[in-house]
Amino acid sequence: MTEENIEKLSKVCPVNLKPGGERAWSLELTANTPECRDALKEIYENLGPESKKFLTKRLVVSDPELKRIVNESE
């Protein structure tokens, strides 16, 4: 994930940086807004298969709609 993608996601999706389980850190998405959903979809559409796996392991998503976007991208 590029710096530009991280910046875009963090501008439109409130996130918390937190200690990770499998990884040293995770990003917790905390809001489900149209802008956040669009940014998440766009980022996943532009990532290769390995990058998608990596990002999916880093994201912590509890909202069902955001979780669906992440799961559909795998």
C-alpha atoms as a PDB file:
ATOM      1  CA  MET A   1       0.000   0.000   0.000  1.00  0.00           C
ATOM      2  CA  THR A   2       1.482   3.290  -1.067  1.00  0.00           C
ATOM      3  CA  GLU A   3       1.810   6.379   1.092  1.00  0.00           C
ATOM      4  CA  GLU A   4      -0.751   8.041  -1.164  1.00  0.00           C
ATOM      5  CA  ASN A   5      -3.287   5.252  -0.543  1.00  0.00           C
ATOM      6  CA  ILE A   6      -2.717   5.371   3.212  1.00  0.00           C
ATOM      7  CA  GLU A   7      -3.128   9.141   3.198  1.00  0.00           C
ATOM      8  CA  LYS A   8      -6.324   8.945   1.140  1.00  0.00           C
ATOM      9  CA  LEU A   9      -7.844   6.268   3.345  1.00  0.00           C
ATOM     10  CA  SER A  10      -6.949   8.097   6.553  1.00  0.00           C
ATOM     11  CA  LYS A  11      -8.413  11.389   5.259  1.00  0.00           C
ATOM     12  CA  VAL A  12     -11.844   9.946   4.526  1.00  0.00           C
ATOM     13  CA  CYS A  13     -11.979   7.038   6.995  1.00  0.00           C
ATOM     14  CA  PRO A  14     -11.355   7.675  10.656  1.00  0.00           C
ATOM     15  CA  VAL A  15      -8.770   5.085  11.694  1.00  0.00           C
ATOM     16  CA  ASN A  16      -7.012   4.052  14.857  1.00  0.00           C
ATOM     17  CA  LEU A  17      -3.492   2.695  14.748  1.00  0.00           C
ATOM     18  CA  LYS A  18      -3.353  -0.143  17.235  1.00  0.00           C
ATOM     19  CA  PRO A  19      -1.147  -3.076  18.150  1.00  0.00           C
ATOM     20  CA  GLY A  20      -1.780  -5.979  15.821  1.00  0.00           C
ATOM     21  CA  GLY A  21      -2.371  -9.655  16.461  1.00  0.00           C
ATOM     22  CA  GLU A  22      -0.406 -11.379  13.693  1.00  0.00           C
ATOM     23  CA  ARG A  23       1.397  -8.184  12.768  1.00  0.00           C
ATOM     24  CA  ALA A  24       3.078  -5.457  14.795  1.00  0.00           C
ATOM     25  CA  TRP A  25       0.288  -2.972  14.008  1.00  0.00           C
ATOM     26  CA  SER A  26      -3.236  -2.780  12.615  1.00  0.00           C
ATOM     27  CA  LEU A  27      -5.505  -0.063  11.272  1.00  0.00           C
ATOM     28  CA  GLU A  28      -8.972  -0.067  12.766  1.00  0.00           C
ATOM     29  CA  LEU A  29     -11.593   1.570  10.536  1.00  0.00           C
ATOM     30  CA  THR A  30     -14.043   3.333  12.820  1.00  0.00           C
ATOM     31  CA  ALA A  31     -16.699   4.871  10.563  1.00  0.00           C
ATOM     32  CA  ASN A  32     -18.860   3.785   7.670  1.00  0.00           C
ATOM     33  CA  THR A  33     -19.336   6.785   5.399  1.00  0.00           C
ATOM     34  CA  PRO A  34     -19.887   6.880   1.630  1.00  0.00           C
ATOM     35  CA  GLU A  35     -16.451   8.471   1.177  1.00  0.00           C
ATOM     36  CA  CYS A  36     -14.811   5.775   3.276  1.00  0.00           C
ATOM     37  CA  ARG A  37     -16.530   2.956   1.376  1.00  0.00           C
ATOM     38  CA  ASP A  38     -15.560   4.498  -1.976  1.00  0.00           C
ATOM     39  CA  ALA A  39     -11.925   4.945  -0.918  1.00  0.00           C
ATOM     40  CA  LEU A  40     -11.729   1.397   0.411  1.00  0.00           C
ATOM     41  CA  LYS A  41     -13.199  -0.020  -2.801  1.00  0.00           C
ATOM     42  CA  GLU A  42     -10.864   2.053  -4.967  1.00  0.00           C
ATOM     43  CA  ILE A  43      -7.804   1.010  -2.994  1.00  0.00           C
ATOM     44  CA  TYR A  44      -8.703  -2.676  -3.175  1.00  0.00           C
ATOM     45  CA  GLU A  45      -9.465  -2.446  -6.909  1.00  0.00           C
ATOM     46  CA  ASN A  46      -5.967  -1.106  -7.564  1.00  0.00           C
ATOM     47  CA  LEU A  47      -4.007  -3.577  -5.446  1.00  0.00           C
ATOM     48  CA  GLY A  48      -2.468  -6.813  -6.634  1.00  0.00           C
ATOM     49  CA  PRO A  49      -3.366 -10.127  -4.957  1.00  0.00           C
ATOM     50  CA  GLU A  50      -0.475 -10.127  -2.473  1.00  0.00           C
ATOM     51  CA  SER A  51      -1.048  -6.503  -1.483  1.00  0.00           C
ATOM     52  CA  LYS A  52      -4.753  -7.250  -0.912  1.00  0.00           C
ATOM     53  CA  LYS A  53      -3.830 -10.111   1.431  1.00  0.00           C
ATOM     54  CA  PHE A  54      -1.389  -7.885   3.297  1.00  0.00           C
ATOM     55  CA  LEU A  55      -3.887  -5.040   3.685  1.00  0.00           C
ATOM     56  CA  THR A  56      -6.656  -7.415   4.746  1.00  0.00           C
ATOM     57  CA  LYS A  57      -4.415  -8.734   7.533  1.00  0.00           C
ATOM     58  CA  ARG A  58      -3.709  -5.177   8.699  1.00  0.00           C
ATOM     59  CA  LEU A  59      -7.281  -3.845   8.690  1.00  0.00           C
ATOM     60  CA  VAL A  60      -9.576  -4.296  11.659  1.00  0.00           C
ATOM     61  CA  VAL A  61     -13.168  -3.789  10.536  1.00  0.00           C
ATOM     62  CA  SER A  62     -16.225  -4.326  12.718  1.00  0.00           C
ATOM     63  CA  ASP A  63     -18.860  -2.575  10.590  1.00  0.00           C
ATOM     64  CA  PRO A  64     -20.686  -5.224   8.506  1.00  0.00           C
ATOM     65  CA  GLU A  65     -20.759  -3.164   5.306  1.00  0.00           C
ATOM     66  CA  LEU A  66     -17.044  -2.314   5.447  1.00  0.00           C
ATOM     67  CA  LYS A  67     -16.272  -5.916   6.333  1.00  0.00           C
ATOM     68  CA  ARG A  68     -18.196  -7.038   3.226  1.00  0.00           C
ATOM     69  CA  ILE A  69     -16.037  -4.769   1.022  1.00  0.00           C
ATOM     70  CA  VAL A  70     -12.880  -6.225   2.526  1.00  0.00           C
ATOM     71  CA  ASN A  71     -14.103  -9.825   2.274  1.00  0.00           C
ATOM     72  CA  GLU A  72     -15.264  -9.442  -1.335  1.00  0.00           C
ATOM     73  CA  SER A  73     -11.821  -8.157  -2.261  1.00  0.00           C
ATOM     74  CA  GLU A  74      -9.997 -11.275  -1.122  1.00  0.00           C
END
